[in-house]
Amino acid sequence: MRVQVLPHLPEYNGEKMFKKIPNFLGEVKTELKKVSWSTKEDLISSTMVVLVSVLFLALFIGVCDYLLSTIMGIIIR
């Protein structure tokens, strides 16, 4: 049986980590400025599409459930 030895991992140095945080946050801020954000109108129209789609799907599933339940009720009697 062979034992695999992991390579040496660097020691944790909390002080170095905390010094990197401002740089990281600055980079995040820069990247967020590059993002193409949706307009309010786009968000509203997309939300309406989702809501209407969910409504139609719920109605379809409800009708199918009712019909199948009715058919099963007739068959079982």
Foldseek 3Di string as FASTA:
>chain_A
DDDDDDPDDDDDDVVVVVVCVVVVVVVVVVVVVVDDDDDPVVVVVVVVVVVVVVVVVVVVVVVVVVVVVVVVVVVVD
